[in-house]
Protein backbone atom coordinates (compact mmCIF):
# COMPACT_ATOMS: atom_id res chain seq x y z
CA UNK A 1 0.23 0.04 -0.10
CA UNK A 2 1.09 3.92 -0.54
CA UNK A 3 2.61 5.71 2.15
CA UNK A 4 0.15 7.90 3.99
CA UNK A 5 0.20 11.25 2.35
CA UNK A 6 0.83 9.87 -1.10
CA UNK A 7 0.24 11.76 -4.23
CA UNK A 8 -2.00 8.90 -5.05
CA UNK A 9 -4.28 9.51 -2.36
CA UNK A 10 -4.64 12.85 -2.87
CA UNK A 11 -1.70 13.57 -0.24
CA UNK A 12 1.37 16.07 -0.63
CA UNK A 13 4.35 14.86 -2.36
CA UNK A 14 4.53 13.30 -5.98
CA UNK A 15 5.95 10.03 -7.42
CA UNK A 16 9.75 11.05 -6.23
CA UNK A 17 8.52 11.60 -2.66
CA UNK A 18 6.54 8.08 -2.93
CA UNK A 19 9.82 6.64 -4.28
CA UNK A 20 12.18 8.27 -1.54
CA UNK A 21 9.86 6.59 1.15
CA UNK A 22 10.19 3.18 -0.55
CA UNK A 23 13.73 3.20 -0.99
CA UNK A 24 14.75 2.68 2.32
CA UNK A 25 12.42 -0.68 2.33
CA UNK A 26 14.04 -3.83 1.40
CA UNK A 27 12.80 -5.45 -1.84
CA UNK A 28 10.06 -2.99 -2.34
CA UNK A 29 10.04 -1.02 -5.83
CA UNK A 30 8.03 1.69 -7.45
CA UNK A 31 6.22 1.10 -10.24
CA UNK A 32 7.12 4.72 -11.40
CA UNK A 33 11.20 4.34 -10.38
CA UNK A 34 11.83 3.72 -14.74
CA UNK A 35 9.87 6.98 -15.09
CA UNK A 36 11.51 8.90 -12.39
CA UNK A 37 14.77 7.92 -13.46
CA UNK A 38 14.17 8.69 -16.88
CA UNK A 39 12.47 12.35 -15.60
CA UNK A 40 15.57 12.87 -13.41
CA UNK A 41 18.24 11.97 -16.09
CA UNK A 42 16.07 14.23 -18.34
CA UNK A 43 16.18 17.27 -15.81
CA UNK A 44 19.87 16.82 -15.24
CA UNK A 45 20.59 16.82 -18.95
CA UNK A 46 18.17 19.97 -19.40
CA UNK A 47 20.16 21.58 -16.48
CA UNK A 48 23.35 21.00 -18.28
CA UNK A 49 22.31 22.16 -21.51
CA UNK A 50 20.86 25.41 -19.82
CA UNK A 51 24.22 25.99 -18.01
CA UNK A 52 26.21 25.70 -21.37
CA UNK A 53 23.65 27.83 -23.04
CA UNK A 54 24.43 30.25 -20.26
CA UNK A 55 27.84 29.99 -20.66
CA UNK A 56 27.73 30.38 -24.42
CA UNK A 57 25.58 33.33 -23.84
CA UNK A 58 27.92 34.83 -21.14
CA UNK A 59 30.99 34.37 -23.50
CA UNK A 60 29.49 35.92 -26.76
CA UNK A 61 31.34 35.99 -29.33
CA UNK A 62 32.52 32.23 -29.64
CA UNK A 63 35.56 31.15 -31.38
CA UNK A 64 35.41 29.26 -34.64
CA UNK A 65 38.18 26.93 -33.20
CA UNK A 66 35.86 26.26 -29.99
CA UNK A 67 32.68 25.35 -32.57
CA UNK A 68 34.83 23.37 -34.85
CA UNK A 69 36.44 21.63 -31.68
CA UNK A 70 32.91 21.01 -30.19
CA UNK A 71 31.63 19.64 -33.79
CA UNK A 72 34.86 17.56 -34.71
CA UNK A 73 35.84 15.84 -31.60
CA UNK A 74 32.86 13.65 -31.25
CA UNK A 75 33.22 12.91 -35.13
CA UNK A 76 37.05 11.93 -34.68
CA UNK A 77 36.34 10.03 -31.91
CA UNK A 78 33.86 7.92 -33.93
CA UNK A 79 36.28 7.79 -36.70
CA UNK A 80 38.85 6.31 -34.24
CA UNK A 81 36.58 3.78 -32.90
CA UNK A 82 35.56 2.69 -36.54
CA UNK A 83 39.09 2.25 -37.22
CA UNK A 84 39.80 0.50 -34.18
CA UNK A 85 36.58 -1.77 -34.93
CA UNK A 86 37.84 -2.55 -38.33
CA UNK A 87 41.39 -3.68 -37.21
CA UNK A 88 39.92 -5.57 -34.81
CA UNK A 89 37.58 -7.35 -37.22
CA UNK A 90 40.91 -7.77 -39.44
CA UNK A 91 43.04 -9.53 -36.60
CA UNK A 92 40.17 -11.52 -35.91
CA UNK A 93 40.08 -13.01 -39.57
CA UNK A 94 43.66 -13.78 -39.27
CA UNK A 95 43.45 -15.07 -35.86
CA UNK A 96 40.68 -17.49 -36.73
CA UNK A 97 42.33 -18.86 -39.88
CA UNK A 98 45.81 -19.28 -37.83
CA UNK A 99 44.21 -21.14 -34.74
CA UNK A 100 42.11 -23.29 -36.63
CA UNK A 101 45.32 -24.43 -38.78
CA UNK A 102 46.79 -25.23 -35.54
CA UNK A 103 43.62 -27.30 -34.46
CA UNK A 104 42.38 -25.00 -32.06
CA UNK A 105 38.44 -24.65 -31.93
CA UNK A 106 37.45 -20.61 -31.94
CA UNK A 107 34.16 -19.58 -31.62
CA UNK A 108 32.45 -15.95 -30.72
CA UNK A 109 35.53 -13.97 -29.69
CA UNK A 110 35.19 -10.59 -28.05
CA UNK A 111 37.54 -7.82 -28.64
CA UNK A 112 39.50 -8.85 -25.56
CA UNK A 113 39.55 -11.98 -26.51
CA UNK A 114 40.85 -11.38 -29.97
CA UNK A 115 43.98 -9.15 -28.45
CA UNK A 116 44.93 -11.95 -26.00
CA UNK A 117 45.02 -14.36 -28.90
CA UNK A 118 46.85 -12.33 -30.94
CA UNK A 119 49.51 -11.71 -28.20
CA UNK A 120 49.58 -15.39 -27.38
CA UNK A 121 49.93 -16.28 -31.01
CA UNK A 122 52.88 -13.82 -31.63
CA UNK A 123 54.73 -14.74 -28.35
CA UNK A 124 54.69 -18.33 -29.36
CA UNK A 125 55.85 -17.41 -33.00
CA UNK A 126 58.64 -15.54 -31.16
CA UNK A 127 59.59 -18.25 -29.08
CA UNK A 128 58.86 -20.95 -31.47
CA UNK A 129 62.20 -21.62 -33.20
CA UNK A 130 65.31 -20.57 -34.50
CA UNK A 131 66.73 -20.19 -38.23
CA UNK A 132 68.55 -23.80 -37.88
CA UNK A 133 65.11 -25.33 -36.37
CA UNK A 134 63.17 -23.90 -39.52
CA UNK A 135 66.16 -25.01 -41.85
CA UNK A 136 65.76 -28.52 -40.44
CA UNK A 137 61.99 -28.62 -40.57
CA UNK A 138 62.10 -27.63 -44.16
CA UNK A 139 64.92 -30.25 -44.88
CA UNK A 140 62.83 -32.92 -43.48
CA UNK A 141 59.79 -31.79 -45.35
CA UNK A 142 61.65 -31.37 -48.51
CA UNK A 143 62.97 -35.23 -48.04
CA UNK A 144 59.71 -36.69 -47.11
CA UNK A 145 58.24 -35.11 -50.54
CA UNK A 146 61.18 -36.82 -52.68
CA UNK A 147 60.69 -39.87 -50.73
CA UNK A 148 56.99 -39.83 -51.35
CA UNK A 149 57.46 -39.12 -55.12
CA UNK A 150 59.84 -41.85 -55.52
CA UNK A 151 57.57 -44.52 -53.60
CA UNK A 152 54.71 -43.53 -55.91
CA UNK A 153 57.04 -44.37 -59.32
CA UNK A 154 57.34 -40.76 -60.30
CA UNK A 155 60.75 -41.10 -60.50
CA UNK A 156 60.50 -41.76 -64.35
CA UNK A 157 63.27 -43.95 -65.49
CA UNK A 158 65.23 -43.82 -62.61
CA UNK A 159 65.78 -47.49 -61.28
CA UNK A 160 65.26 -48.68 -57.65
CA UNK A 161 68.68 -48.74 -56.55
CA UNK A 162 69.42 -45.10 -57.51
CA UNK A 163 66.25 -44.05 -55.42
CA UNK A 164 67.60 -45.52 -52.72
CA UNK A 165 71.05 -44.28 -52.88
CA UNK A 166 69.30 -40.90 -53.59
CA UNK A 167 67.73 -41.15 -49.77
CA UNK A 168 70.67 -42.35 -48.46
CA UNK A 169 72.46 -39.36 -49.47
CA UNK A 170 69.96 -37.11 -48.43
CA UNK A 171 69.31 -38.40 -45.05
CA UNK A 172 72.36 -37.74 -43.35
CA UNK A 173 72.14 -33.93 -44.13
CA UNK A 174 69.16 -34.23 -41.45
CA UNK A 175 70.95 -36.12 -38.82
CA UNK A 176 73.91 -33.73 -38.75
CA UNK A 177 74.86 -33.01 -35.29
CA UNK A 178 74.78 -29.08 -34.82
CA UNK A 179 78.38 -27.74 -34.09
CA UNK A 180 78.45 -26.73 -30.36
CA UNK A 181 78.74 -22.63 -30.07
CA UNK A 182 82.25 -21.71 -29.66
CA UNK A 183 83.31 -21.00 -26.01
CA UNK A 184 84.48 -17.76 -25.45
CA UNK A 185 85.69 -16.72 -22.11
CA UNK A 186 84.75 -12.78 -22.40
């Protein structure tokens, strides 16, 4: 039931007074709370606008740079945000393809997720392998392709003994031990 003296019953006060009385009670909300909040926010906005208008009226003439800044600042901010979002979308596409090729399942990503995945992926690329490791991996992949080609009979007129000799010649290159780095006392 409404509080005594409520405006609904013809008493003094209004919806704000009724809401103020109910705010102290737990779990009780006003049916007018959203209307009141909207009215209060509208009143705050109107007071800020009137203050700005009074400020503008007191400081006649307004400089062109002030007007330019007042118009351009929000527009530049929108453009900056659009650039950020466009770049994040491009980054998301790149990361999704990279992560799917690594076998990870990627579902809906938020902006923070995209940035975290990018940082993690770049860190893993940086620490992944040395140039020698990449060379060895490439050599091994090439050797596998040559071996597969020869086994499928793609060697043309190459006799099987020559194919075996070719594979034997290429295989030690992969298994070569890396030279130890030179120790220097300084």
